[in-house]
N, C-alpha and C. Protein backbone atom coordinates (compact mmCIF):
# COMPACT_ATOMS: atom_id res chain seq x y z
N MET A 1 43.40 35.72 26.27
CA MET A 1 42.47 34.79 26.80
C MET A 1 41.15 35.05 26.15
N ILE A 2 41.02 36.22 25.86
CA ILE A 2 39.74 36.79 25.23
C ILE A 2 39.40 36.15 23.90
N PRO A 3 40.53 36.60 23.20
CA PRO A 3 40.42 35.60 21.83
C PRO A 3 40.06 34.37 21.76
N GLY A 4 40.85 33.49 23.05
CA GLY A 4 40.28 32.22 23.02
C GLY A 4 38.76 31.98 23.24
N LEU A 5 38.33 32.80 24.12
CA LEU A 5 37.03 32.58 24.31
C LEU A 5 36.17 33.20 23.20
N VAL A 6 36.58 33.90 22.53
CA VAL A 6 35.52 34.25 21.38
C VAL A 6 35.86 32.95 20.34
N TRP A 7 36.93 32.58 19.75
CA TRP A 7 36.79 31.42 18.91
C TRP A 7 36.15 30.26 19.39
N LEU A 8 36.15 29.94 20.74
CA LEU A 8 35.33 28.68 21.42
C LEU A 8 33.85 29.21 20.93
N SER A 9 33.42 30.34 21.20
CA SER A 9 31.94 30.67 21.14
C SER A 9 31.82 30.69 19.87
N VAL A 10 32.61 31.09 18.62
CA VAL A 10 32.46 30.87 17.19
C VAL A 10 32.38 29.46 16.85
N ALA A 11 33.23 28.78 17.19
CA ALA A 11 33.24 27.43 16.95
C ALA A 11 32.14 26.67 17.52
N ARG A 12 31.38 26.82 18.60
CA ARG A 12 30.16 26.42 19.00
C ARG A 12 29.09 26.71 17.90
N ILE A 13 28.93 28.17 17.74
CA ILE A 13 28.00 28.72 16.83
C ILE A 13 27.96 27.79 15.30
N SER A 14 29.40 27.76 15.21
CA SER A 14 29.55 27.35 13.57
C SER A 14 29.21 25.95 13.75
N ARG A 15 29.43 25.11 14.84
CA ARG A 15 29.02 23.70 14.88
C ARG A 15 27.37 23.40 15.14
N ALA A 16 27.03 24.56 15.83
CA ALA A 16 25.38 24.35 15.70
C ALA A 16 24.59 24.31 14.24
N ALA A 17 25.22 25.65 13.64
CA ALA A 17 24.90 25.71 12.30
C ALA A 17 25.09 24.50 11.49
N SER A 18 26.19 23.91 11.43
CA SER A 18 26.52 22.64 10.85
C SER A 18 25.73 21.58 11.06
N ASP A 19 25.22 21.55 12.83
CA ASP A 19 24.10 20.12 12.76
C ASP A 19 22.82 20.50 12.46
N GLN A 20 22.43 22.03 12.35
CA GLN A 20 21.24 22.30 11.56
C GLN A 20 20.95 21.83 10.01
N GLN A 21 22.29 22.07 9.42
CA GLN A 21 22.32 22.00 7.88
C GLN A 21 22.29 20.28 7.91
N GLU A 22 23.25 19.66 8.72
CA GLU A 22 23.40 18.12 8.71
C GLU A 22 21.58 17.59 8.86
N GLN A 23 20.83 18.09 9.60
CA GLN A 23 19.56 17.55 10.09
C GLN A 23 18.94 17.95 9.09
N ALA A 24 18.75 19.09 8.57
CA ALA A 24 18.20 19.26 7.44
C ALA A 24 18.19 18.73 6.06
N THR A 25 19.67 18.36 5.97
CA THR A 25 19.86 17.18 4.61
C THR A 25 19.41 15.94 4.88
N VAL A 26 19.57 15.52 6.21
CA VAL A 26 18.75 13.86 6.77
C VAL A 26 17.32 14.19 6.67
N ASP A 27 16.61 15.02 7.00
CA ASP A 27 15.37 15.32 6.60
C ASP A 27 14.95 15.24 5.37
N ARG A 28 15.49 15.96 4.55
CA ARG A 28 15.59 16.00 3.13
C ARG A 28 15.10 14.60 2.22
N VAL A 29 16.36 13.60 2.66
CA VAL A 29 16.60 12.66 2.16
C VAL A 29 15.51 11.63 2.91
N ALA A 30 14.92 11.79 4.18
CA ALA A 30 14.15 10.73 4.58
C ALA A 30 12.83 11.20 3.86
N SER A 31 12.42 12.25 3.63
CA SER A 31 11.24 12.57 3.01
C SER A 31 11.27 12.30 1.67
N LEU A 32 12.27 11.53 0.89
CA LEU A 32 12.17 10.96 -0.53
C LEU A 32 11.77 9.77 -0.32
N PHE A 33 11.82 9.04 0.72
CA PHE A 33 11.50 7.44 1.37
C PHE A 33 10.07 7.67 1.89
N SER A 34 9.65 8.68 1.86
CA SER A 34 8.27 8.23 2.57
C SER A 34 7.07 9.24 1.63
N SER A 35 5.95 8.86 1.86
CA SER A 35 4.75 9.24 1.11
C SER A 35 3.55 9.04 1.78
N LYS A 36 2.38 9.68 0.97
CA LYS A 36 1.17 9.62 1.51
C LYS A 36 0.50 8.61 1.39
N SER A 37 1.23 7.38 0.34
CA SER A 37 0.25 6.26 0.05
C SER A 37 1.57 5.24 -0.52
N SER A 38 1.34 4.00 -0.03
CA SER A 38 1.96 2.90 -0.64
C SER A 38 1.45 1.75 -0.75
N ILE A 39 2.23 0.67 -1.71
CA ILE A 39 1.56 -0.45 -1.92
C ILE A 39 3.03 -1.55 -1.71
N GLY A 40 2.82 -2.38 -1.11
CA GLY A 40 4.39 -3.46 -0.68
C GLY A 40 3.73 -4.67 -0.69
N THR A 41 4.46 -5.90 -0.77
CA THR A 41 4.27 -7.05 -0.45
C THR A 41 5.67 -7.30 0.39
N VAL A 42 4.95 -8.25 1.26
CA VAL A 42 6.13 -8.49 2.45
C VAL A 42 5.96 -10.20 2.56
N LYS A 43 6.83 -10.96 2.55
CA LYS A 43 7.08 -12.11 3.08
C LYS A 43 7.54 -12.57 4.44
N MET A 44 7.35 -13.21 5.24
CA MET A 44 7.82 -13.51 6.67
C MET A 44 7.95 -14.73 7.10
N GLN A 45 8.77 -15.11 7.67
CA GLN A 45 9.17 -16.17 8.06
C GLN A 45 9.01 -16.31 9.51
N ILE A 46 8.03 -17.12 10.04
CA ILE A 46 7.73 -17.58 11.50
C ILE A 46 8.39 -18.88 11.74
N SER A 47 9.26 -18.65 12.93
CA SER A 47 9.92 -19.95 13.59
C SER A 47 9.73 -20.03 14.88
N ASN A 48 9.04 -21.20 15.41
CA ASN A 48 9.05 -21.33 17.08
C ASN A 48 9.64 -22.93 17.16
N GLU A 49 9.27 -23.21 18.38
CA GLU A 49 9.44 -24.72 18.99
C GLU A 49 8.84 -25.69 18.04
N ASP A 50 7.55 -25.43 17.69
CA ASP A 50 6.89 -26.34 16.66
C ASP A 50 7.18 -26.49 15.50
N GLY A 51 8.10 -25.53 14.78
CA GLY A 51 8.59 -25.79 13.37
C GLY A 51 8.69 -24.32 12.69
N GLN A 52 8.50 -24.10 11.37
CA GLN A 52 8.58 -22.93 10.43
C GLN A 52 7.56 -22.85 9.63
N ARG A 53 7.01 -21.44 9.29
CA ARG A 53 6.21 -21.43 8.61
C ARG A 53 6.27 -20.02 7.57
N ASP A 54 5.96 -19.63 6.32
CA ASP A 54 5.94 -18.91 5.83
C ASP A 54 4.88 -18.25 5.48
N LEU A 55 4.69 -16.96 5.58
CA LEU A 55 3.22 -15.87 5.18
C LEU A 55 3.86 -14.90 4.25
N SER A 56 2.67 -14.67 3.57
CA SER A 56 3.18 -13.61 2.51
C SER A 56 1.77 -12.91 2.39
N MET A 57 2.19 -11.47 2.47
CA MET A 57 0.98 -10.44 2.72
C MET A 57 1.23 -9.22 1.49
N LYS A 58 0.17 -8.67 1.52
CA LYS A 58 0.35 -7.46 0.47
C LYS A 58 -0.55 -6.60 1.59
N ILE A 59 0.15 -5.20 1.18
CA ILE A 59 -0.09 -4.13 2.38
C ILE A 59 -0.23 -3.09 1.60
N TRP A 60 -1.34 -2.26 1.95
CA TRP A 60 -1.83 -0.81 1.14
C TRP A 60 -1.71 0.00 2.01
N SER A 61 -1.61 1.39 2.23
CA SER A 61 -1.46 2.42 3.11
C SER A 61 -1.57 3.85 2.09
N LEU A 62 -2.65 4.37 2.94
CA LEU A 62 -3.17 5.74 2.33
C LEU A 62 -3.43 6.67 3.68
N GLY A 63 -2.21 7.49 4.09
CA GLY A 63 -2.60 8.55 5.19
C GLY A 63 -2.23 7.46 6.39
N ASP A 64 -3.47 7.67 7.41
CA ASP A 64 -3.56 6.78 8.69
C ASP A 64 -4.24 5.73 8.58
N LYS A 65 -4.71 5.17 7.19
CA LYS A 65 -5.23 4.04 6.74
C LYS A 65 -4.35 2.77 6.23
N VAL A 66 -4.33 1.47 7.04
CA VAL A 66 -3.34 0.46 6.30
C VAL A 66 -4.50 -0.78 6.26
N LEU A 67 -4.08 -1.61 4.78
CA LEU A 67 -4.91 -2.78 4.53
C LEU A 67 -3.83 -3.71 4.76
N VAL A 68 -3.89 -4.86 5.21
CA VAL A 68 -2.83 -5.67 5.25
C VAL A 68 -3.81 -7.25 4.80
N ARG A 69 -3.60 -7.84 3.75
CA ARG A 69 -4.19 -8.93 3.18
C ARG A 69 -3.24 -9.89 3.23
N ILE A 70 -3.69 -11.16 3.74
CA ILE A 70 -2.48 -12.34 3.49
C ILE A 70 -3.06 -12.79 2.28
N VAL A 71 -2.01 -13.24 1.58
CA VAL A 71 -1.77 -13.71 0.14
C VAL A 71 -1.67 -15.36 0.16
N SER A 72 -0.51 -15.84 1.08
CA SER A 72 -0.46 -17.10 1.22
C SER A 72 -0.04 -17.45 2.78
N PRO A 73 -0.29 -18.40 3.24
CA PRO A 73 -0.60 -20.15 2.60
C PRO A 73 -2.04 -19.83 2.42
N GLN A 74 -2.25 -20.88 1.49
CA GLN A 74 -3.73 -20.90 0.93
C GLN A 74 -4.71 -21.10 2.07
N ASP A 75 -4.42 -21.85 3.08
CA ASP A 75 -5.49 -21.92 4.02
C ASP A 75 -5.75 -20.57 4.90
N GLU A 76 -4.97 -19.52 4.79
CA GLU A 76 -5.28 -18.32 5.66
C GLU A 76 -5.30 -17.14 4.49
N ALA A 77 -5.31 -17.47 3.20
CA ALA A 77 -5.42 -16.42 2.13
C ALA A 77 -6.59 -15.73 2.23
N GLY A 78 -6.89 -14.67 1.99
CA GLY A 78 -7.96 -13.61 2.07
C GLY A 78 -8.16 -13.14 3.64
N THR A 79 -7.41 -13.72 4.49
CA THR A 79 -7.51 -12.75 5.75
C THR A 79 -7.14 -11.61 5.74
N ALA A 80 -7.64 -10.42 6.44
CA ALA A 80 -7.48 -9.19 6.28
C ALA A 80 -7.31 -8.43 7.56
N ILE A 81 -6.67 -7.24 7.74
CA ILE A 81 -6.71 -6.36 8.72
C ILE A 81 -6.75 -5.03 8.27
N LEU A 82 -7.71 -4.18 8.70
CA LEU A 82 -7.69 -2.87 8.26
C LEU A 82 -7.53 -2.03 9.45
N LYS A 83 -6.59 -0.91 9.46
CA LYS A 83 -6.66 -0.04 10.47
C LYS A 83 -6.86 1.28 10.02
N GLU A 84 -7.74 2.13 10.46
CA GLU A 84 -8.10 3.42 10.20
C GLU A 84 -7.88 4.12 11.74
N GLY A 85 -6.98 5.15 11.88
CA GLY A 85 -6.50 5.87 12.75
C GLY A 85 -6.39 4.67 14.20
N CYS A 86 -7.14 4.73 14.84
CA CYS A 86 -7.11 3.86 16.26
C CYS A 86 -7.81 2.62 15.99
N ASP A 87 -8.89 2.79 15.05
CA ASP A 87 -9.79 1.32 14.83
C ASP A 87 -9.19 0.46 13.93
N ILE A 88 -9.29 -0.76 14.66
CA ILE A 88 -8.61 -1.90 13.67
C ILE A 88 -9.76 -3.02 13.33
N ARG A 89 -10.02 -3.61 12.33
CA ARG A 89 -10.99 -4.45 11.86
C ARG A 89 -10.18 -5.43 11.45
N TYR A 90 -10.94 -6.78 11.79
CA TYR A 90 -10.59 -7.93 11.02
C TYR A 90 -11.45 -8.55 10.08
N TYR A 91 -11.00 -9.17 8.78
CA TYR A 91 -11.84 -9.94 8.19
C TYR A 91 -11.61 -11.67 8.02
N LEU A 92 -12.33 -12.31 8.82
CA LEU A 92 -11.67 -13.70 8.60
C LEU A 92 -12.69 -14.43 7.67
N PRO A 93 -12.31 -15.01 6.62
CA PRO A 93 -13.27 -15.55 5.56
C PRO A 93 -13.42 -17.09 5.74
N LYS A 94 -12.90 -17.68 6.66
CA LYS A 94 -13.16 -18.63 7.22
C LYS A 94 -14.77 -18.82 7.97
N SER A 95 -14.98 -17.48 8.66
CA SER A 95 -16.04 -17.51 9.62
C SER A 95 -17.27 -16.74 8.76
N ASN A 96 -17.07 -16.78 7.58
CA ASN A 96 -18.13 -16.10 6.66
C ASN A 96 -18.38 -14.99 7.32
């Protein structure tokens, strides 16, 4: 009976070590897809009961700062949102 308990304990310790190795591998791979800064283009399709419209945005990020600028449609182009930490600012070109 004692060898069985020892085997179960060793199996648990071995599994815990394996879980830690797996988590370390996942963390390493995740770090490959994250960076301190990024630039991207996003296209969004918005649908509701009134119809559908497309929106295209350019997004820049650096640390905790994010700038989102609408590229299209033309009547909304130039509208921007700047997020710095907890502060959010909007730029609405139509309002000068």
